Amino acid sequence: MCLAIPGKVVKVEKGFATIDYSGEQRKASTELVDVDAGDYVIVQAQFIIQKIPEKEAIEAIKVWQDKK
């Protein structure tokens, strides 16, 4: 099973989004889902596959951080 951690989009440009995962930033393709800065997303294989509500994302991030 693979767990996906939500990340927050901080910048979108030229088909890619920069996503922040609690201070670590990575890029992912926006080819499958249109996103804007401030959106919370799930990424698989460097593609954004889903936007999720902020409240749900924050709860998931908190649970993940508590497990560290």
PDB file of N, CA and C in Angstrom:
ATOM      1  N   MET A   1       0.843  -1.173   0.000  1.00  0.00           N
ATOM      2  CA  MET A   1       0.000   0.000   0.000  1.00  0.00           C
ATOM      3  C   MET A   1       0.891   1.239   0.000  1.00  0.00           C
ATOM      4  N   CYS A   2       0.434   2.236  -0.710  1.00  0.00           N
ATOM      5  CA  CYS A   2       1.182   3.484  -0.811  1.00  0.00           C
ATOM      6  C   CYS A   2       0.382   4.601  -0.143  1.00  0.00           C
ATOM      7  N   LEU A   3       1.019   5.348   0.722  1.00  0.00           N
ATOM      8  CA  LEU A   3       0.357   6.469   1.375  1.00  0.00           C
ATOM      9  C   LEU A   3       0.755   7.761   0.687  1.00  0.00           C
ATOM     10  N   ALA A   4      -0.215   8.615   0.446  1.00  0.00           N
ATOM     11  CA  ALA A   4       0.060   9.904  -0.181  1.00  0.00           C
ATOM     12  C   ALA A   4      -0.164  11.005   0.850  1.00  0.00           C
ATOM     13  N   ILE A   5       0.821  11.860   0.991  1.00  0.00           N
ATOM     14  CA  ILE A   5       0.742  12.970   1.934  1.00  0.00           C
ATOM     15  C   ILE A   5       0.308  14.211   1.171  1.00  0.00           C
ATOM     16  N   PRO A   6      -0.695  14.941   1.664  1.00  0.00           N
ATOM     17  CA  PRO A   6      -1.099  16.167   0.980  1.00  0.00           C
ATOM     18  C   PRO A   6       0.008  17.214   1.023  1.00  0.00           C
ATOM     19  N   GLY A   7       0.068  18.005  -0.026  1.00  0.00           N
ATOM     20  CA  GLY A   7       0.996  19.126  -0.087  1.00  0.00           C
ATOM     21  C   GLY A   7       0.258  20.368  -0.531  1.00  0.00           C
ATOM     22  N   LYS A   8       0.845  21.532  -0.259  1.00  0.00           N
ATOM     23  CA  LYS A   8       0.224  22.807  -0.621  1.00  0.00           C
ATOM     24  C   LYS A   8       0.949  23.402  -1.825  1.00  0.00           C
ATOM     25  N   VAL A   9       0.178  23.756  -2.846  1.00  0.00           N
ATOM     26  CA  VAL A   9       0.744  24.369  -4.044  1.00  0.00           C
ATOM     27  C   VAL A   9       1.197  25.785  -3.700  1.00  0.00           C
ATOM     28  N   VAL A  10       2.463  26.084  -3.979  1.00  0.00           N
ATOM     29  CA  VAL A  10       2.983  27.424  -3.698  1.00  0.00           C
ATOM     30  C   VAL A  10       3.208  28.234  -4.967  1.00  0.00           C
ATOM     31  N   LYS A  11       3.346  27.535  -6.114  1.00  0.00           N
ATOM     32  CA  LYS A  11       3.579  28.248  -7.372  1.00  0.00           C
ATOM     33  C   LYS A  11       3.180  27.339  -8.527  1.00  0.00           C
ATOM     34  N   VAL A  12       2.590  27.939  -9.576  1.00  0.00           N
ATOM     35  CA  VAL A  12       2.234  27.196 -10.780  1.00  0.00           C
ATOM     36  C   VAL A  12       2.807  27.931 -11.973  1.00  0.00           C
ATOM     37  N   GLU A  13       3.549  27.186 -12.819  1.00  0.00           N
ATOM     38  CA  GLU A  13       4.068  27.788 -14.044  1.00  0.00           C
ATOM     39  C   GLU A  13       4.466  26.716 -15.049  1.00  0.00           C
ATOM     40  N   LYS A  14       4.147  26.966 -16.308  1.00  0.00           N
ATOM     41  CA  LYS A  14       4.566  26.124 -17.436  1.00  0.00           C
ATOM     42  C   LYS A  14       4.291  24.638 -17.235  1.00  0.00           C
ATOM     43  N   GLY A  15       3.072  24.301 -16.813  1.00  0.00           N
ATOM     44  CA  GLY A  15       2.687  22.899 -16.707  1.00  0.00           C
ATOM     45  C   GLY A  15       3.142  22.174 -15.457  1.00  0.00           C
ATOM     46  N   PHE A  16       3.777  22.901 -14.549  1.00  0.00           N
ATOM     47  CA  PHE A  16       4.242  22.292 -13.301  1.00  0.00           C
ATOM     48  C   PHE A  16       3.844  23.151 -12.112  1.00  0.00           C
ATOM     49  N   ALA A  17       3.683  22.500 -10.975  1.00  0.00           N
ATOM     50  CA  ALA A  17       3.415  23.200  -9.724  1.00  0.00           C
ATOM     51  C   ALA A  17       4.534  22.884  -8.747  1.00  0.00           C
ATOM     52  N   THR A  18       4.902  23.881  -7.958  1.00  0.00           N
ATOM     53  CA  THR A  18       5.818  23.664  -6.847  1.00  0.00           C
ATOM     54  C   THR A  18       4.946  23.417  -5.626  1.00  0.00           C
ATOM     55  N   ILE A  19       5.195  22.304  -4.957  1.00  0.00           N
ATOM     56  CA  ILE A  19       4.357  21.879  -3.847  1.00  0.00           C
ATOM     57  C   ILE A  19       5.198  21.797  -2.582  1.00  0.00           C
ATOM     58  N   ASP A  20       4.665  22.371  -1.510  1.00  0.00           N
ATOM     59  CA  ASP A  20       5.354  22.371  -0.224  1.00  0.00           C
ATOM     60  C   ASP A  20       4.812  21.249   0.653  1.00  0.00           C
ATOM     61  N   TYR A  21       5.736  20.421   1.133  1.00  0.00           N
ATOM     62  CA  TYR A  21       5.418  19.351   2.076  1.00  0.00           C
ATOM     63  C   TYR A  21       6.123  19.668   3.389  1.00  0.00           C
ATOM     64  N   SER A  22       5.504  20.468   4.223  1.00  0.00           N
ATOM     65  CA  SER A  22       6.062  20.829   5.534  1.00  0.00           C
ATOM     66  C   SER A  22       7.503  21.309   5.437  1.00  0.00           C
ATOM     67  N   GLY A  23       7.758  22.207   4.490  1.00  0.00           N
ATOM     68  CA  GLY A  23       9.080  22.806   4.348  1.00  0.00           C
ATOM     69  C   GLY A  23       9.929  22.229   3.232  1.00  0.00           C
ATOM     70  N   GLU A  24       9.595  21.066   2.740  1.00  0.00           N
ATOM     71  CA  GLU A  24      10.315  20.470   1.605  1.00  0.00           C
ATOM     72  C   GLU A  24       9.499  20.715   0.339  1.00  0.00           C
ATOM     73  N   GLN A  25      10.126  21.290  -0.675  1.00  0.00           N
ATOM     74  CA  GLN A  25       9.401  21.610  -1.902  1.00  0.00           C
ATOM     75  C   GLN A  25       9.801  20.679  -3.036  1.00  0.00           C
ATOM     76  N   ARG A  26       8.775  20.267  -3.791  1.00  0.00           N
ATOM     77  CA  ARG A  26       8.975  19.401  -4.956  1.00  0.00           C
ATOM     78  C   ARG A  26       8.069  19.872  -6.080  1.00  0.00           C
ATOM     79  N   LYS A  27       8.421  19.484  -7.310  1.00  0.00           N
ATOM     80  CA  LYS A  27       7.609  19.847  -8.471  1.00  0.00           C
ATOM     81  C   LYS A  27       6.803  18.647  -8.933  1.00  0.00           C
ATOM     82  N   ALA A  28       5.601  18.948  -9.476  1.00  0.00           N
ATOM     83  CA  ALA A  28       4.741  17.908 -10.030  1.00  0.00           C
ATOM     84  C   ALA A  28       3.993  18.481 -11.224  1.00  0.00           C
ATOM     85  N   SER A  29       3.647  17.607 -12.143  1.00  0.00           N
ATOM     86  CA  SER A  29       2.943  18.010 -13.353  1.00  0.00           C
ATOM     87  C   SER A  29       1.493  18.386 -13.050  1.00  0.00           C
ATOM     88  N   THR A  30       1.018  19.423 -13.739  1.00  0.00           N
ATOM     89  CA  THR A  30      -0.382  19.843 -13.637  1.00  0.00           C
ATOM     90  C   THR A  30      -1.178  19.355 -14.844  1.00  0.00           C
ATOM     91  N   GLU A  31      -0.629  18.397 -15.571  1.00  0.00           N
ATOM     92  CA  GLU A  31      -1.260  17.899 -16.793  1.00  0.00           C
ATOM     93  C   GLU A  31      -2.638  17.278 -16.538  1.00  0.00           C
ATOM     94  N   LEU A  32      -2.835  16.640 -15.391  1.00  0.00           N
ATOM     95  CA  LEU A  32      -4.086  15.933 -15.117  1.00  0.00           C
ATOM     96  C   LEU A  32      -5.113  16.756 -14.354  1.00  0.00           C
ATOM     97  N   VAL A  33      -4.651  17.705 -13.542  1.00  0.00           N
ATOM     98  CA  VAL A  33      -5.549  18.491 -12.684  1.00  0.00           C
ATOM     99  C   VAL A  33      -5.110  19.950 -12.718  1.00  0.00           C
ATOM    100  N   ASP A  34      -6.065  20.855 -12.949  1.00  0.00           N
ATOM    101  CA  ASP A  34      -5.768  22.291 -12.896  1.00  0.00           C
ATOM    102  C   ASP A  34      -5.729  22.737 -11.439  1.00  0.00           C
ATOM    103  N   VAL A  35      -4.679  23.439 -11.066  1.00  0.00           N
ATOM    104  CA  VAL A  35      -4.532  23.899  -9.686  1.00  0.00           C
ATOM    105  C   VAL A  35      -4.082  25.350  -9.659  1.00  0.00           C
ATOM    106  N   ASP A  36      -4.264  25.966  -8.516  1.00  0.00           N
ATOM    107  CA  ASP A  36      -3.809  27.331  -8.261  1.00  0.00           C
ATOM    108  C   ASP A  36      -2.985  27.332  -6.983  1.00  0.00           C
ATOM    109  N   ALA A  37      -2.161  28.354  -6.822  1.00  0.00           N
ATOM    110  CA  ALA A  37      -1.411  28.516  -5.579  1.00  0.00           C
ATOM    111  C   ALA A  37      -2.397  28.530  -4.417  1.00  0.00           C
ATOM    112  N   GLY A  38      -2.063  27.816  -3.361  1.00  0.00           N
ATOM    113  CA  GLY A  38      -2.929  27.728  -2.188  1.00  0.00           C
ATOM    114  C   GLY A  38      -3.749  26.456  -2.129  1.00  0.00           C
ATOM    115  N   ASP A  39      -3.885  25.753  -3.263  1.00  0.00           N
ATOM    116  CA  ASP A  39      -4.621  24.487  -3.274  1.00  0.00           C
ATOM    117  C   ASP A  39      -3.815  23.403  -2.562  1.00  0.00           C
ATOM    118  N   TYR A  40      -4.523  22.461  -1.955  1.00  0.00           N
ATOM    119  CA  TYR A  40      -3.890  21.271  -1.388  1.00  0.00           C
ATOM    120  C   TYR A  40      -4.119  20.120  -2.357  1.00  0.00           C
ATOM    121  N   VAL A  41      -3.078  19.323  -2.566  1.00  0.00           N
ATOM    122  CA  VAL A  41      -3.140  18.289  -3.596  1.00  0.00           C
ATOM    123  C   VAL A  41      -2.515  16.981  -3.125  1.00  0.00           C
ATOM    124  N   ILE A  42      -2.854  15.927  -3.864  1.00  0.00           N
ATOM    125  CA  ILE A  42      -2.233  14.620  -3.711  1.00  0.00           C
ATOM    126  C   ILE A  42      -1.453  14.358  -4.996  1.00  0.00           C
ATOM    127  N   VAL A  43      -0.224  13.869  -4.850  1.00  0.00           N
ATOM    128  CA  VAL A  43       0.656  13.612  -5.991  1.00  0.00           C
ATOM    129  C   VAL A  43       1.044  12.138  -6.009  1.00  0.00           C
ATOM    130  N   GLN A  44       1.024  11.551  -7.196  1.00  0.00           N
ATOM    131  CA  GLN A  44       1.523  10.193  -7.409  1.00  0.00           C
ATOM    132  C   GLN A  44       2.377  10.204  -8.667  1.00  0.00           C
ATOM    133  N   ALA A  45       3.553   9.637  -8.609  1.00  0.00           N
ATOM    134  CA  ALA A  45       4.459   9.529  -9.759  1.00  0.00           C
ATOM    135  C   ALA A  45       4.704  10.888 -10.412  1.00  0.00           C
ATOM    136  N   GLN A  46       4.850  11.918  -9.608  1.00  0.00           N
ATOM    137  CA  GLN A  46       5.138  13.291 -10.034  1.00  0.00           C
ATOM    138  C   GLN A  46       4.014  13.932 -10.848  1.00  0.00           C
ATOM    139  N   PHE A  47       2.788  13.411 -10.715  1.00  0.00           N
ATOM    140  CA  PHE A  47       1.605  14.012 -11.316  1.00  0.00           C
ATOM    141  C   PHE A  47       0.623  14.357 -10.205  1.00  0.00           C
ATOM    142  N   ILE A  48       0.059  15.550 -10.257  1.00  0.00           N
ATOM    143  CA  ILE A  48      -1.020  15.890  -9.331  1.00  0.00           C
ATOM    144  C   ILE A  48      -2.232  15.094  -9.787  1.00  0.00           C
ATOM    145  N   ILE A  49      -2.804  14.308  -8.879  1.00  0.00           N
ATOM    146  CA  ILE A  49      -3.937  13.471  -9.254  1.00  0.00           C
ATOM    147  C   ILE A  49      -5.248  13.916  -8.616  1.00  0.00           C
ATOM    148  N   GLN A  50      -5.161  14.805  -7.604  1.00  0.00           N
ATOM    149  CA  GLN A  50      -6.386  15.198  -6.912  1.00  0.00           C
ATOM    150  C   GLN A  50      -6.164  16.458  -6.095  1.00  0.00           C
ATOM    151  N   LYS A  51      -7.171  17.342  -6.101  1.00  0.00           N
ATOM    152  CA  LYS A  51      -7.211  18.458  -5.151  1.00  0.00           C
ATOM    153  C   LYS A  51      -8.054  17.993  -3.973  1.00  0.00           C
ATOM    154  N   ILE A  52      -7.686  18.432  -2.771  1.00  0.00           N
ATOM    155  CA  ILE A  52      -8.482  18.077  -1.603  1.00  0.00           C
ATOM    156  C   ILE A  52      -8.782  19.331  -0.786  1.00  0.00           C
ATOM    157  N   PRO A  53      -9.886  19.305  -0.030  1.00  0.00           N
ATOM    158  CA  PRO A  53     -10.239  20.466   0.788  1.00  0.00           C
ATOM    159  C   PRO A  53      -9.162  20.770   1.832  1.00  0.00           C
ATOM    160  N   GLU A  54      -8.976  22.047   2.115  1.00  0.00           N
ATOM    161  CA  GLU A  54      -7.944  22.481   3.057  1.00  0.00           C
ATOM    162  C   GLU A  54      -8.089  21.801   4.417  1.00  0.00           C
ATOM    163  N   LYS A  55      -9.306  21.746   4.936  1.00  0.00           N
ATOM    164  CA  LYS A  55      -9.523  21.149   6.259  1.00  0.00           C
ATOM    165  C   LYS A  55      -9.072  19.688   6.281  1.00  0.00           C
ATOM    166  N   GLU A  56      -9.434  18.944   5.251  1.00  0.00           N
ATOM    167  CA  GLU A  56      -9.045  17.533   5.153  1.00  0.00           C
ATOM    168  C   GLU A  56      -7.524  17.388   5.048  1.00  0.00           C
ATOM    169  N   ALA A  57      -6.905  18.260   4.269  1.00  0.00           N
ATOM    170  CA  ALA A  57      -5.447  18.213   4.093  1.00  0.00           C
ATOM    171  C   ALA A  57      -4.728  18.497   5.405  1.00  0.00           C
ATOM    172  N   ILE A  58      -5.162  19.518   6.113  1.00  0.00           N
ATOM    173  CA  ILE A  58      -4.512  19.886   7.373  1.00  0.00           C
ATOM    174  C   ILE A  58      -4.645  18.764   8.401  1.00  0.00           C
ATOM    175  N   GLU A  59      -5.820  18.131   8.454  1.00  0.00           N
ATOM    176  CA  GLU A  59      -6.010  17.003   9.374  1.00  0.00           C
ATOM    177  C   GLU A  59      -5.072  15.848   9.021  1.00  0.00           C
ATOM    178  N   ALA A  60      -4.941  15.538   7.738  1.00  0.00           N
ATOM    179  CA  ALA A  60      -4.067  14.445   7.297  1.00  0.00           C
ATOM    180  C   ALA A  60      -2.603  14.761   7.599  1.00  0.00           C
ATOM    181  N   ILE A  61      -2.199  15.997   7.366  1.00  0.00           N
ATOM    182  CA  ILE A  61      -0.821  16.407   7.645  1.00  0.00           C
ATOM    183  C   ILE A  61      -0.529  16.287   9.140  1.00  0.00           C
ATOM    184  N   LYS A  62      -1.479  16.697   9.968  1.00  0.00           N
ATOM    185  CA  LYS A  62      -1.290  16.605  11.417  1.00  0.00           C
ATOM    186  C   LYS A  62      -1.128  15.148  11.854  1.00  0.00           C
ATOM    187  N   VAL A  63      -1.964  14.271  11.341  1.00  0.00           N
ATOM    188  CA  VAL A  63      -1.859  12.847  11.683  1.00  0.00           C
ATOM    189  C   VAL A  63      -0.498  12.312  11.262  1.00  0.00           C
ATOM    190  N   TRP A  64      -0.058  12.656  10.056  1.00  0.00           N
ATOM    191  CA  TRP A  64       1.238  12.190   9.552  1.00  0.00           C
ATOM    192  C   TRP A  64       2.380  12.696  10.441  1.00  0.00           C
ATOM    193  N   GLN A  65       2.325  13.977  10.830  1.00  0.00           N
ATOM    194  CA  GLN A  65       3.383  14.545  11.669  1.00  0.00           C
ATOM    195  C   GLN A  65       3.394  13.912  13.058  1.00  0.00           C
ATOM    196  N   ASP A  66       2.218  13.572  13.575  1.00  0.00           N
ATOM    197  CA  ASP A  66       2.142  12.919  14.884  1.00  0.00           C
ATOM    198  C   ASP A  66       2.754  11.518  14.858  1.00  0.00           C
ATOM    199  N   LYS A  67       2.786  10.890  13.688  1.00  0.00           N
ATOM    200  CA  LYS A  67       3.336   9.538  13.544  1.00  0.00           C
ATOM    201  C   LYS A  67       4.857   9.546  13.440  1.00  0.00           C
ATOM    202  N   LYS A  68       5.451  10.699  13.159  1.00  0.00           N
ATOM    203  CA  LYS A  68       6.913  10.784  13.012  1.00  0.00           C
ATOM    204  C   LYS A  68       7.610  10.552  14.328  1.00  0.00           C
TER     205      LYS A  68
END
